[in-house]
Every structure is written in structure tokens, then in C-alpha cells.
Amino acid sequence: MKYLYMGTAIGSSNYALPTSRLMHYLRARKSKHLSIENKQPLRTLKKAKKRGRIGAIFCLVHRLCEEWFRQSVSWILQMQGYVLLYDRHFIFECAPDDVADGEPRRLSDRIHFWMLSHVYPRPEPIFFLDAPPEVLFERKPEATLEYLEVRRRTYLKLGRQMPNFFRIDATRTPKQVLADIQNRIDRIQGDALKWNKIDKVEGVKGG
């Protein structure tokens, strides 16, 4: 089994393009004067100036390159016989918020999410460790309660469109959460074996 971070935080990535590492390093140097107390999640910060058309195209291309690089790493590891555990996934990380912030979404962002939704491979199964914003904030106070609630609703709304999406109650103990996930995996594997047997029997009858 292998772990692969599939989120947008380059600092947390175990695999990333060298250009992404460089951009992350330069941004960190630029913002090092900010105190930890004043830092907010990247998605909640307002940009000081809008990107130009060329800048937007460059960012879109670079994001796609980073995402397909990590998907290529995933394919290579799977071909080597590993089961991949994704931490987060781009289709959820980049999903537009359910509540608009008063600003129209950029065309590049719309194109980006369309490609993630229609072209980029989706993992299966997907386990969403769900908990109320208050619980999440108590465990890791990095964002506002409003931000956490908006993202939670966005993930659940997107998950309802995916048949392999499973909501896991993460307010329980780690042992209980792990047991719940294991039971669901066992059922998924059992269903897969069942349908494989049916296909084989039908294939013999057809032959």
C-alpha cells in the first residue's frame, strides 16, 4: 500500500513537480513576514490584484500539469502492484463553493473544474470523514467555522453525484471510524466477487 497526497497544498505533497516546489518556496519567502495568527487558508484570502489573461492561462496549464503528474505517479505505483490511498482529491479540493462570495468565477477556474469533472480519473471508493465545523475547528483551528461549513456542504453536494462516495461519521473514536471503513471495504469487495462469479457463469452459459 502507498500513500499519495492529492490536494492543492504543495507543502504537504509527497510528490510534486519541481516547478510547484519552487513556486511554493518563493511564495513562502514572500509571506514569511506574516505572523502565524494572521495567516488564513489559501481559498479565503483575497488576491491583491487580478491576474492578467496570460497569467491565468499559465496558472491553468501549470495546475493541470501538476494534477496529471500526480495521476501518472498513481498509475505507475498501481502497475507495480500497490493499492493507493489518496489523501484528499483535486476534484473536491477545486470544487466551487456552494455559496457564492459575490465575485464571478474566472473562466480559467470554470475550465479547470470542467476538466477535473469530465476527464480526470476519479478514485473509488471515496470515504469522506465528516464532522460538524465545531468539531473540526476544535481538532485543528486553521479556518473559520463559516469556511469549514461551506466546504463541508460543497463536498457533500458533490459526493451525492458519485455512487462510490461514502460519508463516514468522524465524530467517533479513530478505532470506530477505522472499523466502519473496513466494513464498507469488505462489502465492496464481496459485491465485486459476487458479480465476477455471475459474469463467469453467464459467460459459460453463453459459450
N, C-alpha and C. Protein backbone atom coordinates (compact mmCIF):
# COMPACT_ATOMS: atom_id res chain seq x y z
N MET A 1 0.84 -1.19 0.00
CA MET A 1 0.00 0.00 0.00
C MET A 1 0.88 1.24 0.00
N LYS A 2 0.45 2.26 -0.75
CA LYS A 2 1.18 3.52 -0.83
C LYS A 2 0.24 4.68 -0.54
N TYR A 3 0.80 5.71 0.10
CA TYR A 3 0.08 6.94 0.40
C TYR A 3 0.43 8.00 -0.64
N LEU A 4 -0.58 8.70 -1.14
CA LEU A 4 -0.35 9.75 -2.13
C LEU A 4 -1.23 10.94 -1.82
N TYR A 5 -0.60 12.09 -1.54
CA TYR A 5 -1.36 13.32 -1.30
C TYR A 5 -1.85 13.88 -2.62
N MET A 6 -3.17 14.11 -2.71
CA MET A 6 -3.78 14.60 -3.95
C MET A 6 -4.52 15.91 -3.71
N GLY A 7 -3.93 16.77 -2.89
CA GLY A 7 -4.52 18.06 -2.61
C GLY A 7 -3.69 19.20 -3.19
N THR A 8 -4.13 20.42 -2.92
CA THR A 8 -3.51 21.60 -3.52
C THR A 8 -2.38 22.19 -2.70
N ALA A 9 -2.19 21.74 -1.47
CA ALA A 9 -1.13 22.27 -0.61
C ALA A 9 0.20 21.59 -0.96
N ILE A 10 1.03 22.30 -1.70
CA ILE A 10 2.29 21.72 -2.15
C ILE A 10 3.19 21.35 -0.98
N GLY A 11 3.13 22.13 0.09
CA GLY A 11 3.94 21.84 1.25
C GLY A 11 3.63 20.50 1.90
N SER A 12 2.42 19.97 1.67
CA SER A 12 2.02 18.68 2.23
C SER A 12 2.21 17.53 1.24
N SER A 13 2.64 17.84 0.02
CA SER A 13 2.71 16.83 -1.03
C SER A 13 3.96 15.97 -0.90
N ASN A 14 3.78 14.66 -1.02
CA ASN A 14 4.94 13.77 -1.06
C ASN A 14 5.45 13.59 -2.49
N TYR A 15 4.64 13.97 -3.48
CA TYR A 15 5.08 14.01 -4.87
C TYR A 15 4.59 15.33 -5.46
N ALA A 16 5.47 16.05 -6.15
CA ALA A 16 5.08 17.32 -6.79
C ALA A 16 6.12 17.68 -7.84
N LEU A 17 5.68 18.46 -8.84
CA LEU A 17 6.60 18.92 -9.87
C LEU A 17 7.64 19.87 -9.25
N PRO A 18 8.87 19.88 -9.76
CA PRO A 18 9.88 20.81 -9.27
C PRO A 18 9.44 22.27 -9.38
N THR A 19 8.69 22.58 -10.45
CA THR A 19 8.21 23.96 -10.60
C THR A 19 7.23 24.33 -9.50
N SER A 20 6.41 23.36 -9.07
CA SER A 20 5.47 23.61 -7.98
C SER A 20 6.22 23.83 -6.67
N ARG A 21 7.27 23.05 -6.44
CA ARG A 21 8.08 23.23 -5.24
C ARG A 21 8.73 24.61 -5.23
N LEU A 22 9.23 25.04 -6.40
CA LEU A 22 9.88 26.34 -6.50
C LEU A 22 8.89 27.47 -6.22
N MET A 23 7.69 27.39 -6.83
CA MET A 23 6.69 28.43 -6.63
C MET A 23 6.24 28.48 -5.17
N HIS A 24 6.12 27.31 -4.55
CA HIS A 24 5.75 27.26 -3.13
C HIS A 24 6.83 27.92 -2.28
N TYR A 25 8.09 27.66 -2.60
CA TYR A 25 9.20 28.24 -1.85
C TYR A 25 9.22 29.77 -1.98
N LEU A 26 9.01 30.27 -3.19
CA LEU A 26 9.02 31.72 -3.40
C LEU A 26 7.85 32.39 -2.69
N ARG A 27 6.68 31.75 -2.71
CA ARG A 27 5.52 32.33 -2.01
C ARG A 27 5.76 32.34 -0.51
N ALA A 28 6.37 31.27 0.00
CA ALA A 28 6.64 31.20 1.43
C ALA A 28 7.60 32.29 1.87
N ARG A 29 8.62 32.56 1.04
CA ARG A 29 9.57 33.62 1.36
C ARG A 29 8.88 34.98 1.35
N LYS A 30 7.95 35.15 0.41
CA LYS A 30 7.27 36.43 0.28
C LYS A 30 6.36 36.70 1.47
N SER A 31 5.79 35.65 2.03
CA SER A 31 4.82 35.84 3.11
C SER A 31 5.37 35.50 4.50
N LYS A 32 6.69 35.32 4.60
CA LYS A 32 7.24 34.91 5.89
C LYS A 32 7.13 36.01 6.96
N HIS A 33 6.90 37.26 6.52
CA HIS A 33 6.77 38.34 7.50
C HIS A 33 5.43 38.31 8.20
N LEU A 34 4.45 37.53 7.65
CA LEU A 34 3.14 37.43 8.28
C LEU A 34 3.22 36.52 9.50
N SER A 35 2.59 36.90 10.56
CA SER A 35 2.58 36.05 11.76
C SER A 35 1.65 34.87 11.53
N ILE A 36 1.86 33.81 12.26
CA ILE A 36 1.03 32.62 12.12
C ILE A 36 -0.42 32.95 12.45
N GLU A 37 -0.64 33.86 13.41
CA GLU A 37 -2.00 34.19 13.81
C GLU A 37 -2.77 34.87 12.69
N ASN A 38 -2.06 35.57 11.80
CA ASN A 38 -2.74 36.31 10.74
C ASN A 38 -2.94 35.49 9.48
N LYS A 39 -2.35 34.32 9.40
CA LYS A 39 -2.48 33.51 8.20
C LYS A 39 -3.86 32.88 8.13
N GLN A 40 -4.40 32.78 6.93
CA GLN A 40 -5.70 32.18 6.70
C GLN A 40 -5.55 31.13 5.61
N PRO A 41 -6.55 30.21 5.46
CA PRO A 41 -6.49 29.25 4.36
C PRO A 41 -6.39 29.97 3.03
N LEU A 42 -5.69 29.36 2.09
CA LEU A 42 -5.43 30.00 0.81
C LEU A 42 -6.72 30.41 0.11
N ARG A 43 -7.77 29.58 0.18
CA ARG A 43 -9.00 29.87 -0.53
C ARG A 43 -9.76 31.04 0.07
N THR A 44 -9.46 31.44 1.34
CA THR A 44 -10.19 32.53 1.97
C THR A 44 -9.51 33.88 1.77
N LEU A 45 -8.30 33.86 1.24
CA LEU A 45 -7.58 35.11 1.05
C LEU A 45 -8.00 35.80 -0.24
N LYS A 46 -8.16 37.10 -0.19
CA LYS A 46 -8.46 37.88 -1.38
C LYS A 46 -7.16 38.25 -2.07
N LYS A 47 -7.12 38.07 -3.37
CA LYS A 47 -5.91 38.42 -4.11
C LYS A 47 -5.79 39.93 -4.22
N ALA A 48 -4.58 40.42 -4.07
CA ALA A 48 -4.36 41.86 -4.10
C ALA A 48 -4.64 42.43 -5.49
N LYS A 49 -4.34 41.67 -6.52
CA LYS A 49 -4.62 42.13 -7.88
C LYS A 49 -5.01 40.94 -8.75
N LYS A 50 -5.85 41.21 -9.70
CA LYS A 50 -6.31 40.15 -10.56
C LYS A 50 -5.22 39.76 -11.56
N ARG A 51 -5.20 38.46 -11.88
CA ARG A 51 -4.24 38.01 -12.88
C ARG A 51 -4.66 38.50 -14.26
N GLY A 52 -3.68 38.73 -15.11
CA GLY A 52 -3.96 39.03 -16.49
C GLY A 52 -4.32 37.76 -17.22
N ARG A 53 -4.68 37.89 -18.49
CA ARG A 53 -5.09 36.74 -19.28
C ARG A 53 -3.96 35.73 -19.43
N ILE A 54 -2.74 36.23 -19.67
CA ILE A 54 -1.60 35.32 -19.82
C ILE A 54 -1.31 34.61 -18.51
N GLY A 55 -1.39 35.35 -17.40
CA GLY A 55 -1.16 34.75 -16.09
C GLY A 55 -2.18 33.67 -15.78
N ALA A 56 -3.45 33.92 -16.14
CA ALA A 56 -4.50 32.93 -15.89
C ALA A 56 -4.26 31.66 -16.70
N ILE A 57 -3.83 31.83 -17.96
CA ILE A 57 -3.56 30.67 -18.81
C ILE A 57 -2.38 29.88 -18.26
N PHE A 58 -1.34 30.58 -17.83
CA PHE A 58 -0.16 29.91 -17.27
C PHE A 58 -0.55 29.11 -16.02
N CYS A 59 -1.34 29.73 -15.13
CA CYS A 59 -1.74 29.04 -13.90
C CYS A 59 -2.60 27.82 -14.20
N LEU A 60 -3.49 27.94 -15.19
CA LEU A 60 -4.34 26.81 -15.57
C LEU A 60 -3.49 25.65 -16.10
N VAL A 61 -2.56 25.97 -16.99
CA VAL A 61 -1.70 24.92 -17.57
C VAL A 61 -0.85 24.27 -16.48
N HIS A 62 -0.32 25.09 -15.58
CA HIS A 62 0.53 24.54 -14.53
C HIS A 62 -0.27 23.66 -13.57
N ARG A 63 -1.48 24.08 -13.23
CA ARG A 63 -2.32 23.26 -12.35
C ARG A 63 -2.61 21.91 -12.99
N LEU A 64 -2.94 21.94 -14.29
CA LEU A 64 -3.23 20.68 -14.99
C LEU A 64 -2.01 19.79 -15.05
N CYS A 65 -0.85 20.38 -15.29
CA CYS A 65 0.39 19.59 -15.33
C CYS A 65 0.66 18.93 -13.97
N GLU A 66 0.47 19.69 -12.89
CA GLU A 66 0.69 19.13 -11.56
C GLU A 66 -0.28 17.99 -11.27
N GLU A 67 -1.54 18.18 -11.63
CA GLU A 67 -2.54 17.15 -11.36
C GLU A 67 -2.29 15.88 -12.16
N TRP A 68 -1.93 16.04 -13.44
CA TRP A 68 -1.67 14.85 -14.26
C TRP A 68 -0.34 14.20 -13.90
N PHE A 69 0.60 14.97 -13.38
CA PHE A 69 1.84 14.37 -12.89
C PHE A 69 1.55 13.42 -11.75
N ARG A 70 0.74 13.88 -10.80
CA ARG A 70 0.44 13.01 -9.65
C ARG A 70 -0.43 11.83 -10.05
N GLN A 71 -1.31 12.02 -11.04
CA GLN A 71 -2.10 10.89 -11.53
C GLN A 71 -1.18 9.87 -12.21
N SER A 72 -0.16 10.35 -12.92
CA SER A 72 0.81 9.45 -13.55
C SER A 72 1.58 8.66 -12.50
N VAL A 73 1.97 9.34 -11.41
CA VAL A 73 2.63 8.64 -10.30
C VAL A 73 1.71 7.55 -9.76
N SER A 74 0.43 7.88 -9.63
CA SER A 74 -0.54 6.91 -9.13
C SER A 74 -0.62 5.69 -10.04
N TRP A 75 -0.69 5.92 -11.36
CA TRP A 75 -0.76 4.80 -12.31
C TRP A 75 0.49 3.92 -12.23
N ILE A 76 1.65 4.55 -12.13
CA ILE A 76 2.91 3.79 -12.07
C ILE A 76 2.94 2.92 -10.82
N LEU A 77 2.54 3.48 -9.69
CA LEU A 77 2.53 2.70 -8.45
C LEU A 77 1.52 1.55 -8.51
N GLN A 78 0.38 1.81 -9.14
CA GLN A 78 -0.62 0.75 -9.27
C GLN A 78 -0.12 -0.37 -10.19
N MET A 79 0.59 -0.01 -11.26
CA MET A 79 1.15 -1.02 -12.15
C MET A 79 2.21 -1.87 -11.44
N GLN A 80 2.82 -1.29 -10.40
CA GLN A 80 3.80 -2.03 -9.61
C GLN A 80 3.14 -2.93 -8.56
N GLY A 81 1.80 -2.89 -8.50
CA GLY A 81 1.07 -3.77 -7.60
C GLY A 81 0.61 -3.14 -6.31
N TYR A 82 0.77 -1.84 -6.16
CA TYR A 82 0.37 -1.18 -4.91
C TYR A 82 -1.11 -0.77 -4.94
N VAL A 83 -1.71 -0.76 -3.76
CA VAL A 83 -3.01 -0.14 -3.56
C VAL A 83 -2.76 1.29 -3.11
N LEU A 84 -3.41 2.26 -3.75
CA LEU A 84 -3.15 3.67 -3.46
C LEU A 84 -4.18 4.23 -2.48
N LEU A 85 -3.69 4.90 -1.45
CA LEU A 85 -4.55 5.64 -0.54
C LEU A 85 -4.36 7.12 -0.82
N TYR A 86 -5.39 7.75 -1.38
CA TYR A 86 -5.32 9.18 -1.67
C TYR A 86 -5.71 9.98 -0.43
N ASP A 87 -4.90 10.96 -0.11
CA ASP A 87 -5.26 11.94 0.91
C ASP A 87 -5.82 13.15 0.18
N ARG A 88 -7.12 13.34 0.28
CA ARG A 88 -7.83 14.37 -0.47
C ARG A 88 -7.87 13.99 -1.95
N HIS A 89 -8.50 14.87 -2.74
CA HIS A 89 -8.50 14.66 -4.18
C HIS A 89 -8.83 15.99 -4.85
N PHE A 90 -8.22 16.22 -6.01
CA PHE A 90 -8.35 17.52 -6.68
C PHE A 90 -9.80 17.87 -7.02
N ILE A 91 -10.60 16.88 -7.36
CA ILE A 91 -11.97 17.20 -7.77
C ILE A 91 -12.76 17.80 -6.60
N PHE A 92 -12.40 17.43 -5.37
CA PHE A 92 -13.06 18.02 -4.20
C PHE A 92 -12.36 19.31 -3.78
N GLU A 93 -11.03 19.30 -3.83
CA GLU A 93 -10.26 20.47 -3.42
C GLU A 93 -10.60 21.69 -4.29
N CYS A 94 -10.84 21.46 -5.57
CA CYS A 94 -11.04 22.57 -6.51
C CYS A 94 -12.51 22.80 -6.84
N ALA A 95 -13.41 22.08 -6.17
CA ALA A 95 -14.84 22.27 -6.43
C ALA A 95 -15.27 23.66 -6.00
N PRO A 96 -16.10 24.34 -6.80
CA PRO A 96 -16.55 25.68 -6.42
C PRO A 96 -17.45 25.61 -5.20
N ASP A 97 -17.36 26.64 -4.36
CA ASP A 97 -18.16 26.68 -3.15
C ASP A 97 -19.64 26.73 -3.48
N ASP A 98 -20.43 26.10 -2.62
CA ASP A 98 -21.88 26.10 -2.79
C ASP A 98 -22.47 27.48 -2.59
N VAL A 99 -21.80 28.31 -1.79
CA VAL A 99 -22.26 29.67 -1.52
C VAL A 99 -21.33 30.65 -2.22
N ALA A 100 -21.88 31.46 -3.11
CA ALA A 100 -21.06 32.40 -3.87
C ALA A 100 -20.52 33.49 -2.96
N ASP A 101 -19.32 33.98 -3.27
CA ASP A 101 -18.71 35.03 -2.45
C ASP A 101 -18.90 36.42 -3.03
N GLY A 102 -19.81 36.53 -4.01
CA GLY A 102 -20.09 37.84 -4.58
C GLY A 102 -19.24 38.17 -5.79
N GLU A 103 -18.23 37.33 -6.08
CA GLU A 103 -17.38 37.58 -7.23
C GLU A 103 -17.59 36.48 -8.27
N PRO A 104 -17.69 36.84 -9.56
CA PRO A 104 -17.86 35.82 -10.60
C PRO A 104 -16.62 34.94 -10.70
N ARG A 105 -16.81 33.66 -10.97
CA ARG A 105 -15.69 32.76 -11.11
C ARG A 105 -14.98 33.03 -12.43
N ARG A 106 -13.66 32.95 -12.40
CA ARG A 106 -12.87 33.17 -13.61
C ARG A 106 -13.13 32.07 -14.61
N LEU A 107 -13.00 32.40 -15.89
CA LEU A 107 -13.18 31.41 -16.95
C LEU A 107 -12.19 30.27 -16.80
N SER A 108 -10.94 30.58 -16.42
CA SER A 108 -9.94 29.54 -16.26
C SER A 108 -10.33 28.56 -15.15
N ASP A 109 -10.96 29.07 -14.07
CA ASP A 109 -11.42 28.19 -13.00
C ASP A 109 -12.55 27.29 -13.47
N ARG A 110 -13.45 27.83 -14.29
CA ARG A 110 -14.55 27.01 -14.81
C ARG A 110 -14.03 25.93 -15.73
N ILE A 111 -13.07 26.29 -16.58
CA ILE A 111 -12.47 25.29 -17.47
C ILE A 111 -11.75 24.22 -16.67
N HIS A 112 -11.03 24.66 -15.66
CA HIS A 112 -10.27 23.72 -14.83
C HIS A 112 -11.19 22.70 -14.16
N PHE A 113 -12.27 23.17 -13.54
CA PHE A 113 -13.16 22.23 -12.85
C PHE A 113 -13.91 21.35 -13.83
N TRP A 114 -14.22 21.86 -15.01
CA TRP A 114 -14.88 21.03 -16.03
C TRP A 114 -13.97 19.87 -16.43
N MET A 115 -12.70 20.14 -16.60
CA MET A 115 -11.76 19.08 -16.97
C MET A 115 -11.60 18.07 -15.85
N LEU A 116 -11.57 18.54 -14.59
CA LEU A 116 -11.49 17.62 -13.47
C LEU A 116 -12.74 16.75 -13.40
N SER A 117 -13.89 17.32 -13.70
CA SER A 117 -15.16 16.60 -13.59
C SER A 117 -15.38 15.61 -14.72
N HIS A 118 -14.88 15.92 -15.93
CA HIS A 118 -15.20 15.11 -17.10
C HIS A 118 -14.03 14.31 -17.67
N VAL A 119 -12.81 14.66 -17.32
CA VAL A 119 -11.64 13.99 -17.91
C VAL A 119 -10.78 13.31 -16.86
N TYR A 120 -10.55 13.97 -15.75
CA TYR A 120 -9.62 13.47 -14.74
C TYR A 120 -10.18 12.23 -14.05
N PRO A 121 -9.38 11.18 -13.88
CA PRO A 121 -9.88 9.95 -13.24
C PRO A 121 -10.32 10.20 -11.79
N ARG A 122 -11.38 9.50 -11.40
CA ARG A 122 -11.88 9.61 -10.03
C ARG A 122 -11.48 8.37 -9.23
N PRO A 123 -11.18 8.56 -7.97
CA PRO A 123 -10.85 7.39 -7.14
C PRO A 123 -12.11 6.64 -6.75
N GLU A 124 -11.94 5.40 -6.41
CA GLU A 124 -13.07 4.66 -5.85
C GLU A 124 -12.55 3.54 -4.96
N PRO A 125 -13.18 3.36 -3.83
CA PRO A 125 -14.26 4.18 -3.27
C PRO A 125 -13.73 5.46 -2.64
N ILE A 126 -14.65 6.38 -2.33
CA ILE A 126 -14.30 7.65 -1.69
C ILE A 126 -14.91 7.66 -0.29
N PHE A 127 -14.08 7.85 0.73
CA PHE A 127 -14.56 7.93 2.10
C PHE A 127 -14.38 9.36 2.60
N PHE A 128 -15.50 9.99 2.89
CA PHE A 128 -15.48 11.37 3.39
C PHE A 128 -15.64 11.35 4.90
N LEU A 129 -14.57 11.70 5.62
CA LEU A 129 -14.62 11.74 7.07
C LEU A 129 -15.32 13.03 7.50
N ASP A 130 -16.58 12.91 7.83
CA ASP A 130 -17.43 14.08 8.06
C ASP A 130 -17.60 14.35 9.55
N ALA A 131 -17.57 15.63 9.89
CA ALA A 131 -17.81 16.08 11.26
C ALA A 131 -18.28 17.53 11.22
N PRO A 132 -19.06 17.98 12.21
CA PRO A 132 -19.50 19.38 12.25
C PRO A 132 -18.31 20.33 12.31
N PRO A 133 -18.48 21.54 11.79
CA PRO A 133 -17.38 22.52 11.80
C PRO A 133 -16.79 22.75 13.18
N GLU A 134 -17.63 22.75 14.21
CA GLU A 134 -17.13 22.98 15.57
C GLU A 134 -16.14 21.90 15.99
N VAL A 135 -16.42 20.66 15.62
CA VAL A 135 -15.53 19.56 15.96
C VAL A 135 -14.22 19.69 15.18
N LEU A 136 -14.32 20.01 13.90
CA LEU A 136 -13.12 20.17 13.08
C LEU A 136 -12.24 21.31 13.59
N PHE A 137 -12.89 22.41 13.96
CA PHE A 137 -12.13 23.57 14.45
C PHE A 137 -11.45 23.26 15.77
N GLU A 138 -12.11 22.50 16.62
CA GLU A 138 -11.52 22.13 17.90
C GLU A 138 -10.29 21.24 17.69
N ARG A 139 -10.35 20.38 16.69
CA ARG A 139 -9.22 19.48 16.43
C ARG A 139 -8.07 20.20 15.72
N LYS A 140 -8.42 21.12 14.84
CA LYS A 140 -7.38 21.80 14.06
C LYS A 140 -7.86 23.21 13.73
N PRO A 141 -7.60 24.20 14.58
CA PRO A 141 -8.13 25.56 14.38
C PRO A 141 -7.36 26.35 13.31
N GLU A 142 -7.57 25.98 12.06
CA GLU A 142 -6.87 26.65 10.97
C GLU A 142 -7.78 27.51 10.11
N ALA A 143 -9.07 27.34 10.21
CA ALA A 143 -10.00 28.09 9.38
C ALA A 143 -11.21 28.51 10.21
N THR A 144 -12.02 29.39 9.65
CA THR A 144 -13.21 29.85 10.36
C THR A 144 -14.30 28.78 10.28
N LEU A 145 -15.25 28.86 11.19
CA LEU A 145 -16.37 27.92 11.18
C LEU A 145 -17.19 28.08 9.90
N GLU A 146 -17.34 29.31 9.43
CA GLU A 146 -18.10 29.55 8.21
C GLU A 146 -17.43 28.88 7.01
N TYR A 147 -16.12 29.02 6.92
CA TYR A 147 -15.37 28.40 5.82
C TYR A 147 -15.52 26.87 5.85
N LEU A 148 -15.39 26.29 7.04
CA LEU A 148 -15.49 24.83 7.17
C LEU A 148 -16.88 24.34 6.80
N GLU A 149 -17.91 25.08 7.17
CA GLU A 149 -19.27 24.67 6.85
C GLU A 149 -19.54 24.75 5.35
N VAL A 150 -19.05 25.81 4.71
CA VAL A 150 -19.24 25.95 3.27
C VAL A 150 -18.56 24.81 2.52
N ARG A 151 -17.32 24.49 2.91
CA ARG A 151 -16.60 23.41 2.23
C ARG A 151 -17.26 22.06 2.49
N ARG A 152 -17.76 21.88 3.70
CA ARG A 152 -18.44 20.61 4.03
C ARG A 152 -19.67 20.43 3.13
N ARG A 153 -20.47 21.47 2.98
CA ARG A 153 -21.66 21.38 2.13
C ARG A 153 -21.27 21.13 0.68
N THR A 154 -20.18 21.76 0.24
CA THR A 154 -19.72 21.57 -1.13
C THR A 154 -19.31 20.12 -1.38
N TYR A 155 -18.55 19.53 -0.45
CA TYR A 155 -18.12 18.14 -0.60
C TYR A 155 -19.31 17.19 -0.61
N LEU A 156 -20.27 17.40 0.29
CA LEU A 156 -21.42 16.52 0.35
C LEU A 156 -22.29 16.64 -0.91
N LYS A 157 -22.44 17.86 -1.41
CA LYS A 157 -23.22 18.05 -2.63
C LYS A 157 -22.56 17.34 -3.81
N LEU A 158 -21.24 17.46 -3.92
CA LEU A 158 -20.53 16.79 -5.00
C LEU A 158 -20.57 15.27 -4.81
N GLY A 159 -20.46 14.84 -3.56
CA GLY A 159 -20.47 13.41 -3.29
C GLY A 159 -21.77 12.74 -3.64
N ARG A 160 -22.89 13.47 -3.54
CA ARG A 160 -24.19 12.88 -3.89
C ARG A 160 -24.29 12.52 -5.36
N GLN A 161 -23.39 13.07 -6.18
CA GLN A 161 -23.38 12.75 -7.60
C GLN A 161 -22.49 11.56 -7.92
N MET A 162 -21.86 10.97 -6.90
CA MET A 162 -20.92 9.88 -7.11
C MET A 162 -21.42 8.62 -6.40
N PRO A 163 -21.63 7.53 -7.12
CA PRO A 163 -22.15 6.32 -6.49
C PRO A 163 -21.17 5.65 -5.53
N ASN A 164 -19.89 5.99 -5.65
CA ASN A 164 -18.88 5.35 -4.80
C ASN A 164 -18.43 6.25 -3.66
N PHE A 165 -19.28 7.21 -3.29
CA PHE A 165 -18.98 8.17 -2.22
C PHE A 165 -19.65 7.69 -0.94
N PHE A 166 -18.86 7.61 0.14
CA PHE A 166 -19.39 7.14 1.42
C PHE A 166 -19.07 8.17 2.51
N ARG A 167 -20.12 8.63 3.18
CA ARG A 167 -19.94 9.55 4.30
C ARG A 167 -19.67 8.75 5.56
N ILE A 168 -18.57 9.08 6.25
CA ILE A 168 -18.17 8.40 7.47
C ILE A 168 -18.27 9.38 8.63
N ASP A 169 -18.96 8.97 9.67
CA ASP A 169 -19.10 9.82 10.86
C ASP A 169 -17.76 9.87 11.59
N ALA A 170 -17.08 11.01 11.48
CA ALA A 170 -15.74 11.15 12.07
C ALA A 170 -15.77 11.74 13.47
N THR A 171 -16.95 11.86 14.06
CA THR A 171 -17.01 12.34 15.45
C THR A 171 -16.71 11.22 16.44
N ARG A 172 -16.65 9.99 15.94
CA ARG A 172 -16.38 8.84 16.80
C ARG A 172 -14.88 8.66 17.02
N THR A 173 -14.52 7.65 17.77
CA THR A 173 -13.11 7.38 18.04
C THR A 173 -12.43 6.87 16.77
N PRO A 174 -11.12 7.04 16.65
CA PRO A 174 -10.41 6.52 15.47
C PRO A 174 -10.65 5.03 15.24
N LYS A 175 -10.73 4.26 16.32
CA LYS A 175 -10.96 2.82 16.19
C LYS A 175 -12.32 2.53 15.56
N GLN A 176 -13.35 3.28 15.97
CA GLN A 176 -14.68 3.09 15.42
C GLN A 176 -14.74 3.52 13.95
N VAL A 177 -14.07 4.63 13.64
CA VAL A 177 -14.04 5.11 12.24
C VAL A 177 -13.34 4.09 11.35
N LEU A 178 -12.22 3.56 11.81
CA LEU A 178 -11.47 2.57 11.03
C LEU A 178 -12.30 1.31 10.81
N ALA A 179 -13.02 0.87 11.86
CA ALA A 179 -13.85 -0.33 11.73
C ALA A 179 -14.97 -0.11 10.72
N ASP A 180 -15.56 1.08 10.71
CA ASP A 180 -16.63 1.41 9.76
C ASP A 180 -16.10 1.35 8.33
N ILE A 181 -14.94 1.95 8.11
CA ILE A 181 -14.36 1.95 6.77
C ILE A 181 -14.01 0.52 6.33
N GLN A 182 -13.45 -0.25 7.25
CA GLN A 182 -13.08 -1.63 6.92
C GLN A 182 -14.31 -2.46 6.54
N ASN A 183 -15.40 -2.27 7.27
CA ASN A 183 -16.63 -2.99 6.96
C ASN A 183 -17.16 -2.63 5.58
N ARG A 184 -17.08 -1.35 5.24
CA ARG A 184 -17.55 -0.93 3.92
C ARG A 184 -16.66 -1.49 2.81
N ILE A 185 -15.35 -1.51 3.05
CA ILE A 185 -14.43 -2.09 2.06
C ILE A 185 -14.72 -3.57 1.87
N ASP A 186 -14.96 -4.28 2.98
CA ASP A 186 -15.28 -5.71 2.89
C ASP A 186 -16.54 -5.94 2.07
N ARG A 187 -17.55 -5.08 2.26
CA ARG A 187 -18.80 -5.23 1.49
C ARG A 187 -18.57 -4.95 0.02
N ILE A 188 -17.75 -3.92 -0.27
CA ILE A 188 -17.45 -3.60 -1.67
C ILE A 188 -16.73 -4.76 -2.35
N GLN A 189 -15.75 -5.34 -1.66
CA GLN A 189 -15.02 -6.47 -2.22
C GLN A 189 -15.93 -7.68 -2.38
N GLY A 190 -16.83 -7.89 -1.41
CA GLY A 190 -17.76 -9.00 -1.51
C GLY A 190 -18.69 -8.86 -2.70
N ASP A 191 -19.19 -7.62 -2.92
CA ASP A 191 -20.05 -7.38 -4.08
C ASP A 191 -19.29 -7.59 -5.38
N ALA A 192 -18.02 -7.17 -5.42
CA ALA A 192 -17.22 -7.34 -6.64
C ALA A 192 -17.01 -8.82 -6.95
N LEU A 193 -16.72 -9.62 -5.93
CA LEU A 193 -16.55 -11.07 -6.13
C LEU A 193 -17.84 -11.71 -6.60
N LYS A 194 -18.96 -11.25 -6.02
CA LYS A 194 -20.26 -11.79 -6.40
C LYS A 194 -20.55 -11.55 -7.88
N TRP A 195 -20.31 -10.32 -8.35
CA TRP A 195 -20.60 -10.00 -9.74
C TRP A 195 -19.62 -10.67 -10.68
N ASN A 196 -18.37 -10.88 -10.24
CA ASN A 196 -17.41 -11.61 -11.07
C ASN A 196 -17.87 -13.05 -11.29
N LYS A 197 -18.40 -13.67 -10.24
CA LYS A 197 -18.89 -15.04 -10.36
C LYS A 197 -20.09 -15.11 -11.30
N ILE A 198 -20.99 -14.12 -11.19
CA ILE A 198 -22.16 -14.09 -12.07
C ILE A 198 -21.74 -13.92 -13.52
N ASP A 199 -20.77 -13.03 -13.77
CA ASP A 199 -20.28 -12.81 -15.14
C ASP A 199 -19.67 -14.08 -15.70
N LYS A 200 -18.91 -14.81 -14.87
CA LYS A 200 -18.27 -16.05 -15.33
C LYS A 200 -19.32 -17.11 -15.67
N VAL A 201 -20.35 -17.22 -14.82
CA VAL A 201 -21.41 -18.21 -15.06
C VAL A 201 -22.16 -17.86 -16.34
N GLU A 202 -22.49 -16.58 -16.53
CA GLU A 202 -23.19 -16.16 -17.74
C GLU A 202 -22.33 -16.35 -18.97
N GLY A 203 -21.00 -16.15 -18.79
CA GLY A 203 -20.10 -16.38 -19.91
C GLY A 203 -20.06 -17.84 -20.32
N VAL A 204 -20.08 -18.76 -19.33
CA VAL A 204 -20.08 -20.18 -19.63
C VAL A 204 -21.39 -20.56 -20.32
N LYS A 205 -22.52 -20.02 -19.83
CA LYS A 205 -23.82 -20.33 -20.45
C LYS A 205 -23.85 -19.81 -21.87
N GLY A 206 -23.32 -18.60 -22.05
CA GLY A 206 -23.34 -18.02 -23.40
C GLY A 206 -22.45 -18.81 -24.35
N GLY A 207 -21.34 -19.36 -23.81
CA GLY A 207 -20.45 -20.14 -24.65
C GLY A 207 -21.07 -21.47 -25.03
